[in-house]
Amino acid sequence: MSDDIHTLRRILRDCRTIAIVGLSADWHRPSNFVGKYLQQHGYRIVPVNPRYERILGERSYARLQDIPHPVDMVDVFRRTEDVLPFAQGAVALGAKCLWQQIGVVNREADALARAAGLDTVMDRCVKIEHARLFGGLHWAGVNTRVISARRPL
């Protein structure tokens, strides 16, 4: 699992197209907050949810296998027991990273993705980590645990 600051920063810098599995069209759902935040910060999001045709202005796909273009990261907003097929899909897509959101920890999916050469992150939020490492968290009172007088590389 990749959870040191330098690795997380590299992943978030290099993975610019993110398939969000379980992205909801409902504005009040955490997955929607994350998708909107990522769009506002220059990422291309690819919704993966069979219930919707479009989410946040992007075409939604029923399955990872239906995505016709390269994806850098697969971000999973699903229950822990549902993650393994998405890890297999991430490997088949040629993704660089499998990211399991806060509360999602599937070690079998993690091992499968790592064995295929993907970076993996578990039990963390892409939005929170991006804000923490690239300056999006500020006086609102969130402790980023990153204190430095230098700009990130």
C-alpha atoms as a PDB file:
ATOM      1  CA  MET A   1       0.000   0.000   0.000  1.00  0.00           C
ATOM      2  CA  SER A   2       1.278   3.448  -0.906  1.00  0.00           C
ATOM      3  CA  ASP A   3       0.600   5.933   1.847  1.00  0.00           C
ATOM      4  CA  ASP A   4       3.760   7.946   2.388  1.00  0.00           C
ATOM      5  CA  ILE A   5       3.577  11.628   1.482  1.00  0.00           C
ATOM      6  CA  HIS A   6       5.966  11.459  -1.464  1.00  0.00           C
ATOM      7  CA  THR A   7       4.148   8.528  -3.071  1.00  0.00           C
ATOM      8  CA  LEU A   8       0.707  10.066  -2.555  1.00  0.00           C
ATOM      9  CA  ARG A   9       1.941  13.343  -4.039  1.00  0.00           C
ATOM     10  CA  ARG A  10       3.364  11.488  -7.077  1.00  0.00           C
ATOM     11  CA  ILE A  11       0.141   9.542  -7.600  1.00  0.00           C
ATOM     12  CA  LEU A  12      -2.010  12.668  -7.415  1.00  0.00           C
ATOM     13  CA  ARG A  13       0.362  14.584  -9.698  1.00  0.00           C
ATOM     14  CA  ASP A  14       0.640  11.860 -12.366  1.00  0.00           C
ATOM     15  CA  CYS A  15      -2.846  10.306 -12.383  1.00  0.00           C
ATOM     16  CA  ARG A  16      -4.905  12.905 -14.253  1.00  0.00           C
ATOM     17  CA  THR A  17      -7.764  10.710 -15.567  1.00  0.00           C
ATOM     18  CA  ILE A  18      -9.703   9.104 -12.738  1.00  0.00           C
ATOM     19  CA  ALA A  19     -12.483   6.538 -13.079  1.00  0.00           C
ATOM     20  CA  ILE A  20     -14.711   6.953 -10.024  1.00  0.00           C
ATOM     21  CA  VAL A  21     -16.559   3.706  -9.337  1.00  0.00           C
ATOM     22  CA  GLY A  22     -19.817   4.406  -7.517  1.00  0.00           C
ATOM     23  CA  LEU A  23     -19.888   8.107  -8.353  1.00  0.00           C
ATOM     24  CA  SER A  24     -23.340   9.406  -7.478  1.00  0.00           C
ATOM     25  CA  ALA A  25     -25.294  12.111  -9.304  1.00  0.00           C
ATOM     26  CA  ASP A  26     -26.771  13.181  -5.956  1.00  0.00           C
ATOM     27  CA  TRP A  27     -25.055  16.434  -4.956  1.00  0.00           C
ATOM     28  CA  HIS A  28     -25.060  15.548  -1.249  1.00  0.00           C
ATOM     29  CA  ARG A  29     -23.160  12.241  -1.609  1.00  0.00           C
ATOM     30  CA  PRO A  30     -19.438  12.153  -0.724  1.00  0.00           C
ATOM     31  CA  SER A  31     -18.539  10.665  -4.115  1.00  0.00           C
ATOM     32  CA  ASN A  32     -20.147  13.664  -5.822  1.00  0.00           C
ATOM     33  CA  PHE A  33     -18.118  16.075  -3.643  1.00  0.00           C
ATOM     34  CA  VAL A  34     -14.946  14.246  -4.623  1.00  0.00           C
ATOM     35  CA  GLY A  35     -15.791  14.200  -8.352  1.00  0.00           C
ATOM     36  CA  LYS A  36     -16.654  17.888  -8.383  1.00  0.00           C
ATOM     37  CA  TYR A  37     -13.502  18.794  -6.435  1.00  0.00           C
ATOM     38  CA  LEU A  38     -11.309  16.799  -8.819  1.00  0.00           C
ATOM     39  CA  GLN A  39     -12.898  18.456 -11.860  1.00  0.00           C
ATOM     40  CA  GLN A  40     -12.298  21.891 -10.323  1.00  0.00           C
ATOM     41  CA  HIS A  41      -8.626  20.980  -9.900  1.00  0.00           C
ATOM     42  CA  GLY A  42      -8.027  19.944 -13.490  1.00  0.00           C
ATOM     43  CA  TYR A  43      -8.611  16.203 -13.337  1.00  0.00           C
ATOM     44  CA  ARG A  44     -10.686  14.345 -15.905  1.00  0.00           C
ATOM     45  CA  ILE A  45     -13.238  12.202 -14.133  1.00  0.00           C
ATOM     46  CA  VAL A  46     -14.884   9.149 -15.653  1.00  0.00           C
ATOM     47  CA  PRO A  47     -18.050   8.131 -13.782  1.00  0.00           C
ATOM     48  CA  VAL A  48     -18.672   4.399 -13.413  1.00  0.00           C
ATOM     49  CA  ASN A  49     -22.270   3.886 -12.324  1.00  0.00           C
ATOM     50  CA  PRO A  50     -24.879   1.939 -14.327  1.00  0.00           C
ATOM     51  CA  ARG A  51     -27.763   3.984 -12.868  1.00  0.00           C
ATOM     52  CA  TYR A  52     -26.933   7.200 -14.728  1.00  0.00           C
ATOM     53  CA  GLU A  53     -26.169   8.285 -18.289  1.00  0.00           C
ATOM     54  CA  ARG A  54     -24.269  11.407 -17.209  1.00  0.00           C
ATOM     55  CA  ILE A  55     -22.779  12.612 -13.934  1.00  0.00           C
ATOM     56  CA  LEU A  56     -21.155  16.024 -13.436  1.00  0.00           C
ATOM     57  CA  GLY A  57     -21.354  16.592 -17.193  1.00  0.00           C
ATOM     58  CA  GLU A  58     -19.433  13.416 -18.055  1.00  0.00           C
ATOM     59  CA  ARG A  59     -20.697  10.243 -19.689  1.00  0.00           C
ATOM     60  CA  SER A  60     -21.210   7.509 -17.114  1.00  0.00           C
ATOM     61  CA  TYR A  61     -20.201   3.943 -17.900  1.00  0.00           C
ATOM     62  CA  ALA A  62     -21.875   0.834 -16.511  1.00  0.00           C
ATOM     63  CA  ARG A  63     -18.570  -1.028 -16.041  1.00  0.00           C
ATOM     64  CA  LEU A  64     -14.860  -0.244 -16.078  1.00  0.00           C
ATOM     65  CA  GLN A  65     -14.531  -2.496 -19.137  1.00  0.00           C
ATOM     66  CA  ASP A  66     -16.844  -0.150 -21.087  1.00  0.00           C
ATOM     67  CA  ILE A  67     -14.463   2.832 -20.844  1.00  0.00           C
ATOM     68  CA  PRO A  68     -12.993   3.332 -24.340  1.00  0.00           C
ATOM     69  CA  HIS A  69      -9.959   5.418 -23.362  1.00  0.00           C
ATOM     70  CA  PRO A  70      -7.005   5.133 -20.955  1.00  0.00           C
ATOM     71  CA  VAL A  71      -7.575   5.690 -17.248  1.00  0.00           C
ATOM     72  CA  ASP A  72      -4.783   6.504 -14.790  1.00  0.00           C
ATOM     73  CA  MET A  73      -6.566   5.756 -11.516  1.00  0.00           C
ATOM     74  CA  VAL A  74      -9.574   3.734 -10.415  1.00  0.00           C
ATOM     75  CA  ASP A  75     -11.087   5.327  -7.289  1.00  0.00           C
ATOM     76  CA  VAL A  76     -13.553   2.959  -5.590  1.00  0.00           C
ATOM     77  CA  PHE A  77     -16.596   4.172  -3.622  1.00  0.00           C
ATOM     78  CA  ARG A  78     -18.047   0.722  -2.931  1.00  0.00           C
ATOM     79  CA  ARG A  79     -18.245  -1.674   0.002  1.00  0.00           C
ATOM     80  CA  THR A  80     -15.033  -3.497   0.893  1.00  0.00           C
ATOM     81  CA  GLU A  81     -16.388  -6.857  -0.243  1.00  0.00           C
ATOM     82  CA  ASP A  82     -17.228  -5.434  -3.697  1.00  0.00           C
ATOM     83  CA  VAL A  83     -13.745  -4.127  -4.577  1.00  0.00           C
ATOM     84  CA  LEU A  84     -12.006  -7.194  -6.056  1.00  0.00           C
ATOM     85  CA  PRO A  85     -13.730  -7.086  -9.486  1.00  0.00           C
ATOM     86  CA  PHE A  86     -12.845  -3.396  -9.753  1.00  0.00           C
ATOM     87  CA  ALA A  87      -9.208  -4.171  -8.968  1.00  0.00           C
ATOM     88  CA  GLN A  88      -9.281  -6.755 -11.761  1.00  0.00           C
ATOM     89  CA  GLY A  89     -10.860  -4.132 -14.029  1.00  0.00           C
ATOM     90  CA  ALA A  90      -8.178  -1.590 -13.113  1.00  0.00           C
ATOM     91  CA  VAL A  91      -5.472  -4.082 -14.060  1.00  0.00           C
ATOM     92  CA  ALA A  92      -7.234  -4.920 -17.352  1.00  0.00           C
ATOM     93  CA  LEU A  93      -7.585  -1.198 -18.164  1.00  0.00           C
ATOM     94  CA  GLY A  94      -3.889  -0.597 -17.603  1.00  0.00           C
ATOM     95  CA  ALA A  95      -4.514   1.874 -14.784  1.00  0.00           C
ATOM     96  CA  LYS A  96      -1.563   3.084 -12.716  1.00  0.00           C
ATOM     97  CA  CYS A  97      -3.355   3.152  -9.360  1.00  0.00           C
ATOM     98  CA  LEU A  98      -6.180   1.491  -7.439  1.00  0.00           C
ATOM     99  CA  TRP A  99      -7.509   3.829  -4.748  1.00  0.00           C
ATOM    100  CA  GLN A 100      -9.938   2.590  -2.091  1.00  0.00           C
ATOM    101  CA  GLN A 101     -11.807   5.390  -0.354  1.00  0.00           C
ATOM    102  CA  ILE A 102     -12.097   6.000   3.402  1.00  0.00           C
ATOM    103  CA  GLY A 103     -13.551   2.947   5.104  1.00  0.00           C
ATOM    104  CA  VAL A 104     -12.743   0.658   2.168  1.00  0.00           C
ATOM    105  CA  VAL A 105      -9.954  -1.858   2.857  1.00  0.00           C
ATOM    106  CA  ASN A 106      -9.894  -4.936   0.623  1.00  0.00           C
ATOM    107  CA  ARG A 107      -6.489  -6.556   1.090  1.00  0.00           C
ATOM    108  CA  GLU A 108      -7.058  -9.138  -1.637  1.00  0.00           C
ATOM    109  CA  ALA A 109      -7.753  -6.378  -4.175  1.00  0.00           C
ATOM    110  CA  ASP A 110      -4.711  -4.500  -2.869  1.00  0.00           C
ATOM    111  CA  ALA A 111      -2.449  -7.541  -3.326  1.00  0.00           C
ATOM    112  CA  LEU A 112      -3.823  -8.231  -6.820  1.00  0.00           C
ATOM    113  CA  ALA A 113      -3.232  -4.642  -7.931  1.00  0.00           C
ATOM    114  CA  ARG A 114       0.266  -4.488  -6.414  1.00  0.00           C
ATOM    115  CA  ALA A 115       1.205  -7.797  -8.052  1.00  0.00           C
ATOM    116  CA  ALA A 116       0.197  -6.255 -11.396  1.00  0.00           C
ATOM    117  CA  GLY A 117       2.442  -3.237 -10.751  1.00  0.00           C
ATOM    118  CA  LEU A 118      -0.215  -0.697  -9.751  1.00  0.00           C
ATOM    119  CA  ASP A 119       0.168   1.746  -6.894  1.00  0.00           C
ATOM    120  CA  THR A 120      -2.511   1.114  -4.293  1.00  0.00           C
ATOM    121  CA  VAL A 121      -4.046   3.286  -1.613  1.00  0.00           C
ATOM    122  CA  MET A 122      -6.593   2.100   0.952  1.00  0.00           C
ATOM    123  CA  ASP A 123      -8.803   3.849   3.490  1.00  0.00           C
ATOM    124  CA  ARG A 124      -8.015   7.372   2.252  1.00  0.00           C
ATOM    125  CA  CYS A 125      -9.961  10.042   0.383  1.00  0.00           C
ATOM    126  CA  VAL A 126      -8.556  11.414  -2.879  1.00  0.00           C
ATOM    127  CA  LYS A 127     -10.063  14.848  -2.177  1.00  0.00           C
ATOM    128  CA  ILE A 128      -8.690  15.085   1.351  1.00  0.00           C
ATOM    129  CA  GLU A 129      -5.244  13.869   0.332  1.00  0.00           C
ATOM    130  CA  HIS A 130      -5.081  16.257  -2.634  1.00  0.00           C
ATOM    131  CA  ALA A 131      -6.112  19.184  -0.462  1.00  0.00           C
ATOM    132  CA  ARG A 132      -3.688  18.166   2.293  1.00  0.00           C
ATOM    133  CA  LEU A 133      -0.711  17.743  -0.022  1.00  0.00           C
ATOM    134  CA  PHE A 134      -1.353  20.514  -2.547  1.00  0.00           C
ATOM    135  CA  GLY A 135      -2.614  23.289  -0.297  1.00  0.00           C
ATOM    136  CA  GLY A 136      -6.403  22.993  -0.438  1.00  0.00           C
ATOM    137  CA  LEU A 137      -6.803  22.669   3.328  1.00  0.00           C
ATOM    138  CA  HIS A 138      -6.294  25.920   5.160  1.00  0.00           C
ATOM    139  CA  TRP A 139      -7.578  27.934   8.097  1.00  0.00           C
ATOM    140  CA  ALA A 140     -10.766  25.868   8.208  1.00  0.00           C
ATOM    141  CA  GLY A 141      -9.136  23.890  11.017  1.00  0.00           C
ATOM    142  CA  VAL A 142      -7.932  20.681   9.438  1.00  0.00           C
ATOM    143  CA  ASN A 143      -4.568  19.409  10.647  1.00  0.00           C
ATOM    144  CA  THR A 144      -2.639  18.390   7.525  1.00  0.00           C
ATOM    145  CA  ARG A 145       0.393  17.025   9.424  1.00  0.00           C
ATOM    146  CA  VAL A 146       2.523  18.605   6.693  1.00  0.00           C
ATOM    147  CA  ILE A 147       4.465  21.627   7.835  1.00  0.00           C
ATOM    148  CA  SER A 148       7.097  23.063   5.569  1.00  0.00           C
ATOM    149  CA  ALA A 149       8.452  26.391   4.429  1.00  0.00           C
ATOM    150  CA  ARG A 150       9.171  24.869   0.999  1.00  0.00           C
ATOM    151  CA  ARG A 151       6.765  24.478  -1.876  1.00  0.00           C
ATOM    152  CA  PRO A 152       6.031  20.857  -2.849  1.00  0.00           C
ATOM    153  CA  LEU A 153       7.962  19.533  -5.828  1.00  0.00           C
END
